[in-house]
N, C-alpha and C. Protein backbone atom coordinates (compact mmCIF):
# COMPACT_ATOMS: atom_id res chain seq x y z
N MET A 1 116.32 -89.88 125.49
CA MET A 1 117.00 -88.67 125.11
C MET A 1 115.98 -87.75 124.43
N PRO A 2 115.89 -86.48 124.85
CA PRO A 2 114.90 -85.58 124.24
C PRO A 2 115.31 -85.17 122.82
N PHE A 3 114.31 -84.79 122.06
CA PHE A 3 114.56 -84.32 120.70
C PHE A 3 115.26 -82.97 120.74
N PRO A 4 116.13 -82.71 119.77
CA PRO A 4 116.76 -81.37 119.74
C PRO A 4 115.70 -80.31 119.44
N VAL A 5 115.88 -79.17 120.02
CA VAL A 5 114.94 -78.07 119.83
C VAL A 5 115.62 -76.99 119.01
N ARG A 6 114.94 -76.55 117.97
CA ARG A 6 115.45 -75.44 117.17
C ARG A 6 114.79 -74.16 117.63
N ILE A 7 115.59 -73.16 117.81
CA ILE A 7 115.06 -71.86 118.20
C ILE A 7 115.25 -70.92 117.01
N TYR A 8 114.18 -70.26 116.62
CA TYR A 8 114.23 -69.31 115.53
C TYR A 8 114.04 -67.92 116.11
N PRO A 9 115.14 -67.27 116.47
CA PRO A 9 115.02 -65.96 117.10
C PRO A 9 114.53 -64.90 116.11
N THR A 10 113.91 -63.87 116.63
CA THR A 10 113.46 -62.76 115.81
C THR A 10 113.91 -61.45 116.43
N GLU A 11 113.99 -60.44 115.62
CA GLU A 11 114.32 -59.09 116.08
C GLU A 11 113.39 -58.16 115.35
N THR A 12 112.66 -57.35 116.07
CA THR A 12 111.75 -56.39 115.46
C THR A 12 112.40 -55.02 115.48
N ILE A 13 112.40 -54.38 114.33
CA ILE A 13 112.98 -53.03 114.25
C ILE A 13 111.99 -52.12 113.53
N ARG A 14 112.15 -50.84 113.73
CA ARG A 14 111.41 -49.85 112.95
C ARG A 14 112.38 -49.35 111.89
N ALA A 15 112.24 -49.92 110.70
CA ALA A 15 113.18 -49.61 109.62
C ALA A 15 112.89 -48.24 109.02
N GLU A 16 113.97 -47.56 108.65
CA GLU A 16 113.88 -46.27 108.00
C GLU A 16 114.45 -46.38 106.60
N PRO A 17 113.81 -45.75 105.60
CA PRO A 17 114.31 -45.82 104.23
C PRO A 17 115.74 -45.30 104.13
N GLY A 18 116.55 -46.01 103.35
CA GLY A 18 117.93 -45.57 103.11
C GLY A 18 118.93 -45.98 104.16
N ARG A 19 118.51 -46.58 105.25
CA ARG A 19 119.45 -47.01 106.29
C ARG A 19 119.81 -48.46 106.09
N THR A 20 120.99 -48.82 106.57
CA THR A 20 121.45 -50.21 106.55
C THR A 20 121.45 -50.70 107.98
N TYR A 21 120.96 -51.91 108.18
CA TYR A 21 120.90 -52.50 109.51
C TYR A 21 121.77 -53.75 109.54
N TYR A 22 122.48 -53.94 110.63
CA TYR A 22 123.39 -55.08 110.78
C TYR A 22 122.97 -55.91 111.98
N PHE A 23 123.10 -57.23 111.81
CA PHE A 23 122.75 -58.15 112.88
C PHE A 23 123.83 -59.21 113.02
N ARG A 24 124.06 -59.64 114.23
CA ARG A 24 124.98 -60.74 114.53
C ARG A 24 124.10 -61.95 114.83
N VAL A 25 124.29 -63.02 114.05
CA VAL A 25 123.46 -64.21 114.21
C VAL A 25 124.34 -65.36 114.68
N THR A 26 123.96 -65.96 115.79
CA THR A 26 124.64 -67.14 116.32
C THR A 26 123.56 -68.18 116.60
N PRO A 27 123.92 -69.43 116.78
CA PRO A 27 122.89 -70.44 117.03
C PRO A 27 121.95 -70.04 118.17
N GLY A 28 120.66 -69.94 117.84
CA GLY A 28 119.67 -69.62 118.86
C GLY A 28 119.58 -68.17 119.27
N ARG A 29 120.29 -67.28 118.57
CA ARG A 29 120.30 -65.88 119.00
C ARG A 29 120.53 -64.94 117.82
N ILE A 30 119.90 -63.79 117.87
CA ILE A 30 120.14 -62.72 116.91
C ILE A 30 120.21 -61.43 117.71
N SER A 31 121.19 -60.60 117.40
CA SER A 31 121.31 -59.33 118.11
C SER A 31 121.73 -58.25 117.12
N ARG A 32 121.21 -57.09 117.33
CA ARG A 32 121.50 -55.98 116.43
C ARG A 32 122.88 -55.43 116.74
N ALA A 33 123.63 -55.16 115.70
CA ALA A 33 124.97 -54.57 115.83
C ALA A 33 124.88 -53.09 115.48
N SER A 34 125.74 -52.30 116.07
CA SER A 34 125.77 -50.88 115.73
C SER A 34 126.27 -50.74 114.29
N GLU A 35 126.10 -49.56 113.72
CA GLU A 35 126.54 -49.35 112.34
C GLU A 35 128.05 -49.58 112.21
N ALA A 36 128.84 -49.10 113.16
CA ALA A 36 130.29 -49.29 113.11
C ALA A 36 130.65 -50.77 113.24
N GLU A 37 130.02 -51.48 114.18
CA GLU A 37 130.27 -52.92 114.33
C GLU A 37 129.88 -53.68 113.07
N GLY A 38 128.75 -53.31 112.49
CA GLY A 38 128.27 -53.98 111.29
C GLY A 38 129.22 -53.81 110.11
N ARG A 39 129.69 -52.59 109.91
CA ARG A 39 130.66 -52.36 108.82
C ARG A 39 131.92 -53.18 109.03
N GLU A 40 132.36 -53.29 110.27
CA GLU A 40 133.55 -54.08 110.57
C GLU A 40 133.29 -55.57 110.31
N LEU A 41 132.08 -56.05 110.63
CA LEU A 41 131.74 -57.45 110.43
C LEU A 41 131.72 -57.84 108.95
N VAL A 42 131.34 -56.92 108.08
CA VAL A 42 131.20 -57.26 106.67
C VAL A 42 132.34 -56.76 105.79
N VAL A 43 133.39 -56.24 106.39
CA VAL A 43 134.49 -55.65 105.62
C VAL A 43 135.11 -56.64 104.63
N ASP A 44 135.18 -57.90 104.95
CA ASP A 44 135.80 -58.89 104.07
C ASP A 44 134.79 -59.71 103.26
N THR A 45 133.56 -59.25 103.18
CA THR A 45 132.55 -59.97 102.41
C THR A 45 132.34 -59.27 101.07
N LYS A 46 131.67 -59.95 100.16
CA LYS A 46 131.33 -59.30 98.89
C LYS A 46 129.83 -59.36 98.72
N PRO A 47 129.26 -58.37 98.03
CA PRO A 47 127.81 -58.33 97.85
C PRO A 47 127.30 -59.53 97.08
N VAL A 48 126.08 -59.91 97.37
CA VAL A 48 125.40 -60.98 96.64
C VAL A 48 124.58 -60.31 95.55
N SER A 49 124.59 -60.92 94.39
CA SER A 49 123.84 -60.37 93.27
C SER A 49 122.68 -61.31 92.91
N ASN A 50 121.60 -60.73 92.45
CA ASN A 50 120.48 -61.52 91.96
C ASN A 50 120.62 -61.79 90.46
N GLU A 51 121.66 -61.23 89.86
CA GLU A 51 121.90 -61.43 88.44
C GLU A 51 122.46 -62.81 88.20
N PRO A 52 122.15 -63.42 87.05
CA PRO A 52 122.73 -64.74 86.73
C PRO A 52 124.25 -64.66 86.63
N ALA A 53 124.91 -65.73 87.00
CA ALA A 53 126.37 -65.78 86.93
C ALA A 53 126.80 -65.69 85.47
N GLN A 54 127.88 -64.98 85.24
CA GLN A 54 128.43 -64.85 83.88
C GLN A 54 129.36 -66.01 83.59
N ASP A 55 129.27 -66.57 82.38
CA ASP A 55 130.20 -67.62 81.97
C ASP A 55 131.57 -67.00 81.75
N VAL A 56 132.58 -67.64 82.30
CA VAL A 56 133.95 -67.14 82.14
C VAL A 56 134.66 -68.05 81.15
N ALA A 57 135.14 -67.45 80.04
CA ALA A 57 135.88 -68.26 79.04
C ALA A 57 137.22 -68.64 79.61
N ARG A 58 137.59 -69.91 79.44
CA ARG A 58 138.87 -70.38 79.98
C ARG A 58 139.76 -70.82 78.87
């Protein structure tokens, strides 16, 4: 039985300052999404912060 092969896809873009870029990532594939598709894909997500988590008093 052959060893499993991992594919690490890449996408090269010419980024512009101030723009947001969206990508759809599936096993073995990455594809750029339009701005409208991207906003729809992330509508139910929340931003990630680099700040330490705050302790919540219970």
